[in-house]
Amino acid sequence: MQATPYSQTSLLSIIASDMHEVDQVIAQRLDSGVPLVGQVSRYIISAGGKRLRPALLLLICGALGFKGAQRFNLAAVVEFIHTATLLHDDVVDDSSLRRGNATANETFGNPASVLVGDFLYSRAFQMMVDADSMRIMQVLADATNVIAEGEVMQLMNMHNAALDEAGYLQVIRSKTAKLFEASARVGAILASATSDIEANCAEYGQAMGTAFQVIDDVLDYTGDASVMGKNLGDDLREGKTTLPLIAAMQRGSAGQCELIKTAIETGNVELIDPVVAIVMSTGAINVARLAATMEAERAIAAARRLPSGPHTACLLQLATELLERQY
């Protein structure tokens, strides 16, 4: 397997001690008088994950010279928000596998997953108050709202084979990229950065989040299930019109386009093999990877406008290696 940008022992070793502090905050703030709350929360958080959103916040703080303890609290906040979205997503998508393990809804049931997701959202907002910054509250509250809108947009577009690239990008920039953007922006706000530097950090986060999701959608058709830790073809089963499918329909024959349209509208996973063959033969994967590359280049350009140093170098390398990730 090729190296990924999320290895705690290599690229992100520069913030390994910081991430340990974040883990301590997470463990402390998961405490609840209701045992099931902590049980479900710890189940999904301990299952692993890339922790890329809190890592972005910590790297931006490092690049801009902020060393205050509040960075640990707010990194935990963005991880809680992300985890809450995962709990809700898996219920909506009826997913059974995440990070190689049974999803929380598969293990504890849908009601527990939804309600514990609500707990994590509310706990995140309690923790935001500790930052004593209305600006940070605004950024994270707005991001949470946009993420919810993105989820609803995606729900409305389920089994919609007419979704175009612009509509697809609108969904992923809301649903996925917005929290990347907010994480980077919050790091800049903590560091009292100028408006220009803050804008560069936000652009870096948005571009990284967009590229991340495009590659994720590519891997649903090209990845290794044992490496990815989720079922291949889930997007097709759920009726999601992702960029590989959009590009394939734009470039395929009338018959190929009709087959993909049928697969999207019916969610028929028995069509996954012919759909993958069409995606590959039309060059749709290359089209999607090119789109991700353009976003990664946008992230690199934004990072180059930050002060030079080891944390900025890590941000640049993250954007470069993002395109090579396998899970």
Protein backbone atom coordinates (compact mmCIF):
# COMPACT_ATOMS: atom_id res chain seq x y z
CA MET A 1 0.00 0.00 0.00
CA GLN A 2 1.27 3.46 -0.85
CA ALA A 3 2.04 5.88 1.94
CA THR A 4 -0.93 7.98 2.99
CA PRO A 5 -0.85 11.48 4.44
CA TYR A 6 -2.35 10.30 7.70
CA SER A 7 0.48 8.26 9.20
CA GLN A 8 0.98 9.42 12.77
CA THR A 9 4.53 8.06 12.69
CA SER A 10 5.64 9.97 9.60
CA LEU A 11 4.13 13.09 8.12
CA LEU A 12 1.94 14.07 11.07
CA SER A 13 4.61 13.24 13.67
CA ILE A 14 5.14 16.98 14.03
CA ILE A 15 1.80 17.22 15.85
CA ALA A 16 1.83 13.78 17.51
CA SER A 17 2.16 15.26 21.01
CA ASP A 18 -0.59 17.77 20.24
CA MET A 19 -2.90 14.98 19.05
CA HIS A 20 -2.23 13.13 22.30
CA GLU A 21 -3.47 16.19 24.18
CA VAL A 22 -6.55 16.28 21.96
CA ASP A 23 -7.21 12.63 22.73
CA GLN A 24 -7.06 13.47 26.43
CA VAL A 25 -9.66 16.20 25.96
CA ILE A 26 -11.88 13.85 23.95
CA ALA A 27 -11.74 11.17 26.62
CA GLN A 28 -12.54 13.68 29.35
CA ARG A 29 -15.45 15.33 27.53
CA LEU A 30 -17.09 12.04 26.54
CA ASP A 31 -17.96 11.46 30.18
CA SER A 32 -21.70 11.32 30.72
CA GLY A 33 -24.03 10.17 33.46
CA VAL A 34 -25.78 8.06 30.84
CA PRO A 35 -23.63 4.95 30.18
CA LEU A 36 -24.89 4.32 26.64
CA VAL A 37 -23.79 7.81 25.56
CA GLY A 38 -20.17 7.14 26.44
CA GLN A 39 -20.33 3.59 25.12
CA VAL A 40 -21.52 4.56 21.65
CA SER A 41 -19.29 7.66 21.46
CA ARG A 42 -16.17 5.74 22.44
CA TYR A 43 -17.06 2.94 20.03
CA ILE A 44 -16.96 5.16 16.97
CA ILE A 45 -14.10 7.44 18.08
CA SER A 46 -11.87 4.53 19.13
CA ALA A 47 -12.51 2.82 15.78
CA GLY A 48 -9.74 4.94 14.31
CA GLY A 49 -10.01 7.42 11.49
CA LYS A 50 -7.72 9.94 9.94
CA ARG A 51 -8.38 12.79 12.41
CA LEU A 52 -7.54 15.11 9.53
CA ARG A 53 -9.84 17.93 10.60
CA PRO A 54 -8.32 18.41 14.08
CA ALA A 55 -4.89 17.88 12.49
CA LEU A 56 -5.53 20.81 10.13
CA LEU A 57 -6.45 23.05 13.04
CA LEU A 58 -3.29 22.06 14.93
CA LEU A 59 -1.06 22.47 11.87
CA ILE A 60 -2.44 25.93 11.14
CA CYS A 61 -1.86 26.92 14.77
CA GLY A 62 1.70 25.63 14.47
CA ALA A 63 2.31 27.43 11.20
CA LEU A 64 1.08 30.70 12.69
CA GLY A 65 2.81 30.32 16.04
CA PHE A 66 -0.19 29.81 18.35
CA LYS A 67 0.68 27.57 21.31
CA GLY A 68 -2.27 28.11 23.64
CA ALA A 69 -4.12 25.15 25.17
CA GLN A 70 -7.38 26.24 23.53
CA ARG A 71 -6.17 24.60 20.33
CA PHE A 72 -6.63 21.19 21.96
CA ASN A 73 -10.17 21.98 23.04
CA LEU A 74 -11.23 23.25 19.62
CA ALA A 75 -9.52 20.38 17.79
CA ALA A 76 -11.66 18.06 19.94
CA VAL A 77 -14.71 20.15 19.05
CA VAL A 78 -14.26 19.65 15.31
CA GLU A 79 -13.68 15.92 15.87
CA PHE A 80 -16.93 15.73 17.87
CA ILE A 81 -18.84 17.54 15.12
CA HIS A 82 -17.35 15.19 12.52
CA THR A 83 -18.17 12.11 14.61
CA ALA A 84 -21.76 13.29 15.06
CA THR A 85 -22.14 13.59 11.29
CA LEU A 86 -20.78 10.04 10.87
CA LEU A 87 -23.31 8.64 13.33
CA HIS A 88 -26.16 10.36 11.51
CA ASP A 89 -24.79 9.58 8.03
CA ASP A 90 -24.61 5.87 8.70
CA VAL A 91 -28.23 5.84 9.82
CA VAL A 92 -29.40 7.79 6.77
CA ASP A 93 -27.31 5.66 4.40
CA ASP A 94 -28.13 2.38 6.19
CA SER A 95 -24.40 1.63 6.24
CA SER A 96 -23.10 -1.47 7.99
CA LEU A 97 -19.32 -1.05 7.77
CA ARG A 98 -16.99 1.85 8.55
CA ARG A 99 -13.21 1.78 9.11
CA GLY A 100 -13.32 -2.01 8.92
CA ASN A 101 -15.77 -2.33 11.81
CA ALA A 102 -19.53 -2.61 12.12
CA THR A 103 -21.08 0.86 12.20
CA ALA A 104 -22.54 2.16 15.45
CA ASN A 105 -26.06 1.85 14.08
CA GLU A 106 -25.36 -1.77 13.14
CA THR A 107 -24.08 -2.45 16.66
CA PHE A 108 -26.33 -0.32 18.86
CA GLY A 109 -29.28 0.42 16.59
CA ASN A 110 -30.47 3.52 14.77
CA PRO A 111 -32.15 5.30 17.72
CA ALA A 112 -28.99 5.16 19.86
CA SER A 113 -26.81 6.39 16.98
CA VAL A 114 -29.05 9.37 16.25
CA LEU A 115 -29.39 10.39 19.88
CA VAL A 116 -25.70 10.01 20.69
CA GLY A 117 -24.93 12.04 17.57
CA ASP A 118 -27.15 14.75 19.05
CA PHE A 119 -25.20 14.50 22.32
CA LEU A 120 -21.89 15.00 20.50
CA TYR A 121 -23.23 18.07 18.69
CA SER A 122 -24.46 19.61 21.94
CA ARG A 123 -21.26 18.72 23.79
CA ALA A 124 -19.25 20.35 20.99
CA PHE A 125 -21.23 23.57 21.44
CA GLN A 126 -20.68 23.47 25.20
CA MET A 127 -16.94 23.21 24.54
CA MET A 128 -16.99 26.09 22.07
CA VAL A 129 -18.07 28.40 24.88
CA ASP A 130 -14.74 27.69 26.61
CA ALA A 131 -12.95 29.52 23.79
CA ASP A 132 -14.71 32.74 24.84
CA SER A 133 -14.78 33.91 21.21
CA MET A 134 -17.97 34.88 19.45
CA ARG A 135 -16.09 34.75 16.15
CA ILE A 136 -15.11 31.10 16.66
CA MET A 137 -18.65 30.31 17.79
CA GLN A 138 -19.97 31.92 14.61
CA VAL A 139 -17.58 30.01 12.32
CA LEU A 140 -18.33 26.62 13.88
CA ALA A 141 -22.06 27.23 14.23
CA ASP A 142 -22.29 28.35 10.59
CA ALA A 143 -20.23 25.34 9.48
CA THR A 144 -22.48 22.94 11.38
CA ASN A 145 -25.53 24.50 9.72
CA VAL A 146 -24.00 24.29 6.23
CA ILE A 147 -23.05 20.64 6.83
CA ALA A 148 -26.66 19.87 7.74
CA GLU A 149 -27.84 21.64 4.57
CA GLY A 150 -25.35 19.58 2.57
CA GLU A 151 -26.73 16.38 4.07
CA VAL A 152 -30.25 17.41 3.09
CA MET A 153 -29.10 18.33 -0.44
CA GLN A 154 -27.49 14.92 -0.77
CA LEU A 155 -30.68 13.25 0.47
CA MET A 156 -32.72 15.17 -2.11
CA ASN A 157 -30.32 14.07 -4.84
CA MET A 158 -30.39 10.38 -3.97
CA HIS A 159 -31.17 8.33 -7.11
CA ASN A 160 -31.01 11.51 -9.20
CA ALA A 161 -29.06 10.59 -12.32
CA ALA A 162 -29.52 14.12 -13.70
CA LEU A 163 -27.22 15.69 -11.08
CA ASP A 164 -24.41 17.57 -12.84
CA GLU A 165 -20.87 18.38 -11.72
CA ALA A 166 -21.85 21.80 -10.36
CA GLY A 167 -24.57 20.25 -8.21
CA TYR A 168 -22.21 17.52 -7.05
CA LEU A 169 -19.57 20.06 -6.02
CA GLN A 170 -22.16 22.12 -4.16
CA VAL A 171 -23.07 19.07 -2.08
CA ILE A 172 -19.52 18.02 -1.20
CA ARG A 173 -18.36 21.56 -0.45
CA SER A 174 -21.22 21.81 2.03
CA LYS A 175 -21.26 18.28 3.42
CA THR A 176 -17.52 17.54 3.59
CA ALA A 177 -15.32 20.51 2.75
CA LYS A 178 -17.04 22.99 5.08
CA LEU A 179 -15.68 21.40 8.26
CA PHE A 180 -12.17 21.25 6.77
CA GLU A 181 -12.52 24.94 5.95
CA ALA A 182 -13.82 25.81 9.42
CA SER A 183 -11.06 23.82 11.13
CA ALA A 184 -8.36 25.72 9.26
CA ARG A 185 -10.09 29.07 9.77
CA VAL A 186 -10.45 28.49 13.52
CA GLY A 187 -6.71 27.82 13.74
CA ALA A 188 -6.08 31.17 12.08
CA ILE A 189 -8.53 32.97 14.39
CA LEU A 190 -6.84 31.47 17.46
CA ALA A 191 -3.53 32.82 16.15
CA SER A 192 -5.03 36.31 15.64
CA ALA A 193 -4.03 36.12 11.97
CA THR A 194 -4.68 38.93 9.52
CA SER A 195 -7.78 38.70 7.35
CA ASP A 196 -5.65 37.75 4.35
CA ILE A 197 -3.90 34.92 6.19
CA GLU A 198 -7.23 33.71 7.59
CA ALA A 199 -8.70 33.66 4.07
CA ASN A 200 -5.72 31.63 2.82
CA CYS A 201 -6.16 29.12 5.64
CA ALA A 202 -9.88 28.80 4.89
CA GLU A 203 -9.16 28.30 1.19
CA TYR A 204 -6.61 25.63 2.01
CA GLY A 205 -9.17 23.79 4.14
CA GLN A 206 -11.95 24.03 1.57
CA ALA A 207 -9.72 22.84 -1.26
CA MET A 208 -8.38 19.95 0.84
CA GLY A 209 -11.86 18.89 1.86
CA THR A 210 -13.11 18.97 -1.72
CA ALA A 211 -10.16 16.95 -3.00
CA PHE A 212 -10.56 14.50 -0.11
CA GLN A 213 -14.19 13.79 -1.00
CA VAL A 214 -13.54 13.46 -4.74
CA ILE A 215 -10.82 10.88 -4.04
CA ASP A 216 -13.17 9.13 -1.61
CA ASP A 217 -15.74 8.86 -4.39
CA VAL A 218 -13.10 7.52 -6.79
CA LEU A 219 -12.09 4.85 -4.27
CA ASP A 220 -15.68 3.60 -4.11
CA TYR A 221 -15.04 2.21 -7.60
CA THR A 222 -11.29 1.53 -7.55
CA GLY A 223 -10.39 0.81 -3.93
CA ASP A 224 -9.69 -2.33 -1.97
CA ALA A 225 -12.46 -3.02 0.55
CA SER A 226 -10.01 -4.66 2.98
CA VAL A 227 -7.87 -1.51 2.95
CA MET A 228 -10.69 1.02 2.91
CA GLY A 229 -12.64 -0.65 5.71
CA LYS A 230 -16.00 -0.15 4.02
CA ASN A 231 -18.09 -1.90 1.41
CA LEU A 232 -17.22 -1.04 -2.18
CA GLY A 233 -20.19 0.05 -4.25
CA ASP A 234 -21.93 1.67 -1.28
CA ASP A 235 -22.35 4.94 -3.21
CA LEU A 236 -24.13 3.12 -6.03
CA ARG A 237 -26.33 1.18 -3.61
CA GLU A 238 -27.33 4.44 -1.94
CA GLY A 239 -28.08 6.06 -5.29
CA LYS A 240 -25.36 8.71 -5.01
CA THR A 241 -24.43 10.41 -8.29
CA THR A 242 -20.73 11.04 -7.77
CA LEU A 243 -18.17 12.57 -10.12
CA PRO A 244 -16.91 9.25 -11.59
CA LEU A 245 -20.48 8.43 -12.64
CA ILE A 246 -21.18 11.93 -13.93
CA ALA A 247 -18.01 11.85 -16.04
CA ALA A 248 -18.80 8.35 -17.32
CA MET A 249 -22.29 9.39 -18.42
CA GLN A 250 -20.85 12.43 -20.20
CA ARG A 251 -18.35 10.30 -22.11
CA GLY A 252 -20.09 6.96 -22.60
CA SER A 253 -22.38 5.75 -25.36
CA ALA A 254 -26.14 6.10 -25.12
CA GLY A 255 -26.38 2.49 -23.93
CA GLN A 256 -23.68 2.93 -21.33
CA CYS A 257 -25.27 6.12 -20.07
CA GLU A 258 -28.64 4.39 -19.77
CA LEU A 259 -27.13 1.52 -17.77
CA ILE A 260 -25.49 3.91 -15.30
CA LYS A 261 -28.70 5.91 -15.04
CA THR A 262 -30.64 2.74 -14.24
CA ALA A 263 -28.07 1.73 -11.61
CA ILE A 264 -28.31 5.13 -9.91
CA GLU A 265 -32.09 5.28 -9.99
CA THR A 266 -32.58 1.73 -8.70
CA GLY A 267 -29.50 1.33 -6.49
CA ASN A 268 -29.04 -2.11 -8.02
CA VAL A 269 -25.64 -3.32 -6.80
CA GLU A 270 -25.82 -6.23 -9.23
CA LEU A 271 -24.94 -3.65 -11.87
CA ILE A 272 -21.74 -2.63 -10.05
CA ASP A 273 -19.43 -4.70 -12.27
CA PRO A 274 -20.70 -3.33 -15.61
CA VAL A 275 -20.83 0.18 -14.12
CA VAL A 276 -17.20 -0.08 -12.98
CA ALA A 277 -16.24 -1.34 -16.44
CA ILE A 278 -17.89 1.69 -18.04
CA VAL A 279 -16.29 4.08 -15.54
CA MET A 280 -12.88 2.62 -16.37
CA SER A 281 -13.31 2.41 -20.14
CA THR A 282 -14.55 6.00 -20.51
CA GLY A 283 -11.65 7.51 -18.57
CA ALA A 284 -14.02 8.85 -15.91
CA ILE A 285 -11.59 7.97 -13.11
CA ASN A 286 -8.91 10.12 -14.71
CA VAL A 287 -11.40 12.97 -15.03
CA ALA A 288 -12.26 12.75 -11.33
CA ARG A 289 -8.61 12.47 -10.30
CA LEU A 290 -7.82 15.55 -12.40
CA ALA A 291 -10.55 17.46 -10.57
CA ALA A 292 -9.03 16.37 -7.23
CA THR A 293 -5.57 17.38 -8.46
CA MET A 294 -6.79 20.87 -9.31
CA GLU A 295 -8.20 21.22 -5.79
CA ALA A 296 -4.96 19.95 -4.26
CA GLU A 297 -3.03 22.50 -6.31
CA ARG A 298 -5.36 25.21 -5.02
CA ALA A 299 -4.60 24.07 -1.47
CA ILE A 300 -0.86 24.12 -2.18
CA ALA A 301 -1.06 27.66 -3.57
CA ALA A 302 -2.90 28.80 -0.43
CA ALA A 303 -0.40 27.11 1.91
CA ARG A 304 2.51 28.76 0.13
CA ARG A 305 1.12 32.11 1.23
CA LEU A 306 1.57 31.12 4.89
CA PRO A 307 4.77 31.71 6.92
CA SER A 308 7.43 29.16 6.03
CA GLY A 309 8.32 26.52 8.59
CA PRO A 310 7.90 22.81 9.39
CA HIS A 311 4.13 23.03 9.97
CA THR A 312 3.57 24.80 6.66
CA ALA A 313 5.80 22.22 4.96
CA CYS A 314 3.56 19.54 6.43
CA LEU A 315 0.45 21.30 5.06
CA LEU A 316 2.06 21.34 1.61
CA GLN A 317 2.99 17.67 1.82
CA LEU A 318 -0.52 16.74 3.00
CA ALA A 319 -2.01 18.29 -0.11
CA THR A 320 0.51 16.49 -2.32
CA GLU A 321 0.01 13.07 -0.74
CA LEU A 322 -3.77 13.36 -0.47
CA LEU A 323 -4.09 12.21 -4.07
CA GLU A 324 -2.30 8.96 -3.27
CA ARG A 325 -4.47 7.86 -0.37
CA GLN A 326 -5.93 4.36 -0.47
CA TYR A 327 -8.56 4.70 2.25
